[in-house]
């Protein structure tokens, strides 16, 4: 019986990326991270510093996660698997912290405008919710990646 949790201490390659936990979290991280990016870009920016950081984090981590997905899909990491396992764990740990800071700042920006009839407020609320969802995805991915790395 094939277990979805990768008991192998190596990173999968090819389509196995989508069949193993924690690597299957990359696609939801990209989707929800893309939504944060889109929603913040669609709002009238009320607090440039806060939402600028949210945009920086969401765009940067979207691009890095996309690059990491391609590295796994094309098997580029097979040359030095132990190093890539550490890179995966460290990347997702740092990403969780960065996204948490972005989610808190997005929530602060949302509370700052707080006019419930405004479309921008509703977009900011959605961006806040999605940023916390992405934070949770990165935390779970980071947890399982650290377990894989340390075992």
Protein backbone atom coordinates (compact mmCIF):
# COMPACT_ATOMS: atom_id res chain seq x y z
CA UNK A 1 0.00 0.00 0.00
CA UNK A 2 1.43 3.35 -1.05
CA UNK A 3 1.47 5.95 1.71
CA UNK A 4 0.98 9.58 0.70
CA UNK A 5 3.47 10.72 3.34
CA UNK A 6 6.93 10.38 1.93
CA UNK A 7 8.78 7.96 4.21
CA UNK A 8 11.75 8.27 1.90
CA UNK A 9 14.22 10.86 3.11
CA UNK A 10 14.64 12.25 -0.37
CA UNK A 11 12.60 14.76 -2.29
CA UNK A 12 10.36 13.31 -5.00
CA UNK A 13 10.70 14.29 -8.62
CA UNK A 14 8.36 14.40 -11.58
CA UNK A 15 4.67 13.95 -10.90
CA UNK A 16 5.42 12.30 -7.54
CA UNK A 17 5.71 15.86 -6.21
CA UNK A 18 1.90 16.07 -6.33
CA UNK A 19 1.44 12.72 -4.55
CA UNK A 20 3.60 13.23 -1.47
CA UNK A 21 3.05 15.27 1.63
CA UNK A 22 4.50 17.89 2.23
CA UNK A 23 5.42 18.52 -1.40
CA UNK A 24 1.79 18.49 -2.52
CA UNK A 25 1.33 21.73 -0.54
CA UNK A 26 3.32 23.67 -3.16
CA UNK A 27 0.32 24.01 -5.49
CA UNK A 28 -2.06 25.39 -2.82
CA UNK A 29 0.72 27.72 -1.68
CA UNK A 30 0.97 29.03 -5.22
CA UNK A 31 -2.80 29.34 -5.69
CA UNK A 32 -3.58 31.06 -2.40
CA UNK A 33 -0.40 33.13 -2.56
CA UNK A 34 -1.45 34.27 -6.03
CA UNK A 35 -4.83 35.27 -4.62
CA UNK A 36 -3.15 37.39 -1.94
CA UNK A 37 -1.09 39.07 -4.64
CA UNK A 38 -4.15 39.70 -6.84
CA UNK A 39 -6.38 40.93 -4.02
CA UNK A 40 -3.84 43.37 -2.60
CA UNK A 41 -3.06 44.65 -6.09
CA UNK A 42 -6.79 45.19 -6.70
CA UNK A 43 -7.33 47.36 -3.63
CA UNK A 44 -6.78 51.02 -3.10
CA UNK A 45 -3.64 50.94 -1.02
CA UNK A 46 -4.37 52.73 2.24
CA UNK A 47 -1.14 51.95 4.04
CA UNK A 48 1.79 51.83 1.62
CA UNK A 49 4.34 50.36 4.04
CA UNK A 50 2.13 47.51 5.25
CA UNK A 51 0.67 46.52 1.92
CA UNK A 52 3.96 47.09 0.15
CA UNK A 53 5.50 44.44 2.39
CA UNK A 54 2.54 42.12 1.73
CA UNK A 55 3.03 42.54 -2.02
CA UNK A 56 6.78 41.99 -1.74
CA UNK A 57 6.35 38.80 0.29
CA UNK A 58 3.53 37.39 -1.83
CA UNK A 59 5.21 38.06 -5.18
CA UNK A 60 8.68 36.95 -4.04
CA UNK A 61 7.50 33.74 -2.41
CA UNK A 62 5.19 33.00 -5.34
CA UNK A 63 8.15 33.19 -7.71
CA UNK A 64 10.49 31.19 -5.43
CA UNK A 65 7.85 28.50 -4.87
CA UNK A 66 7.26 28.29 -8.61
CA UNK A 67 11.00 27.89 -9.21
CA UNK A 68 11.15 25.23 -6.48
CA UNK A 69 8.23 23.39 -8.08
CA UNK A 70 10.04 23.33 -11.43
CA UNK A 71 13.24 22.15 -9.74
CA UNK A 72 11.29 19.20 -8.28
CA UNK A 73 9.32 18.46 -11.43
CA UNK A 74 12.37 18.34 -13.67
CA UNK A 75 14.52 16.48 -11.12
CA UNK A 76 17.23 19.13 -10.93
CA UNK A 77 17.60 18.41 -7.21
CA UNK A 78 18.70 14.80 -7.81
CA UNK A 79 22.39 15.76 -8.09
CA UNK A 80 22.67 16.58 -4.38
CA UNK A 81 19.51 15.42 -2.67
CA UNK A 82 20.67 16.00 0.93
CA UNK A 83 21.36 19.67 0.27
CA UNK A 84 18.00 20.14 -1.44
CA UNK A 85 16.19 18.52 1.48
CA UNK A 86 17.78 21.10 3.79
CA UNK A 87 17.00 23.91 1.32
CA UNK A 88 13.35 22.80 1.21
CA UNK A 89 13.03 22.76 5.00
CA UNK A 90 14.81 26.08 5.55
CA UNK A 91 12.95 27.79 2.70
CA UNK A 92 9.53 26.79 4.01
CA UNK A 93 10.43 27.73 7.58
CA UNK A 94 11.57 31.19 6.53
CA UNK A 95 8.58 31.54 4.20
CA UNK A 96 6.19 30.76 7.07
CA UNK A 97 7.71 33.54 9.18
CA UNK A 98 7.66 36.03 6.30
CA UNK A 99 4.06 35.21 5.38
CA UNK A 100 3.00 35.48 9.02
CA UNK A 101 4.48 38.97 9.20
CA UNK A 102 2.73 39.87 5.94
CA UNK A 103 -0.59 38.47 7.19
CA UNK A 104 -0.40 40.50 10.39
CA UNK A 105 0.42 43.68 8.47
CA UNK A 106 -2.40 42.98 6.00
CA UNK A 107 -4.80 42.53 8.93
CA UNK A 108 -3.56 45.83 10.35
CA UNK A 109 -4.16 47.57 7.01
CA UNK A 110 -7.64 46.06 6.89
CA UNK A 111 -8.53 47.27 10.38
CA UNK A 112 -7.13 50.67 9.47
CA UNK A 113 -9.72 51.33 6.74
CA UNK A 114 -12.68 49.49 8.33
CA UNK A 115 -15.64 50.65 6.31
CA UNK A 116 -17.79 47.57 5.79
CA UNK A 117 -19.68 48.92 2.76
CA UNK A 118 -16.54 49.61 0.80
CA UNK A 119 -15.35 47.20 -1.89
CA UNK A 120 -11.73 47.86 -0.91
CA UNK A 121 -12.47 46.76 2.64
CA UNK A 122 -13.96 43.49 1.40
CA UNK A 123 -10.94 42.88 -0.83
CA UNK A 124 -8.64 43.60 2.11
CA UNK A 125 -10.57 41.16 4.31
CA UNK A 126 -10.26 38.48 1.63
CA UNK A 127 -6.53 39.20 1.26
CA UNK A 128 -6.12 38.92 5.03
CA UNK A 129 -7.91 35.58 5.16
CA UNK A 130 -5.93 34.18 2.24
CA UNK A 131 -2.65 35.42 3.70
CA UNK A 132 -3.32 33.54 6.93
CA UNK A 133 -4.30 30.44 4.92
CA UNK A 134 -1.00 30.65 3.02
CA UNK A 135 0.83 31.12 6.32
CA UNK A 136 -0.77 27.92 7.62
CA UNK A 137 0.19 26.06 4.44
CA UNK A 138 3.81 27.17 4.75
CA UNK A 139 3.88 26.22 8.45
CA UNK A 140 2.55 22.71 7.76
CA UNK A 141 4.86 22.28 4.77
CA UNK A 142 7.79 23.53 6.82
CA UNK A 143 6.97 21.18 9.70
CA UNK A 144 6.91 18.09 7.48
CA UNK A 145 9.97 19.27 5.57
CA UNK A 146 11.93 19.67 8.81
CA UNK A 147 10.85 16.18 9.87
CA UNK A 148 12.03 14.78 6.56
CA UNK A 149 15.32 16.68 6.76
CA UNK A 150 16.10 15.63 10.34
CA UNK A 151 15.24 11.94 9.85
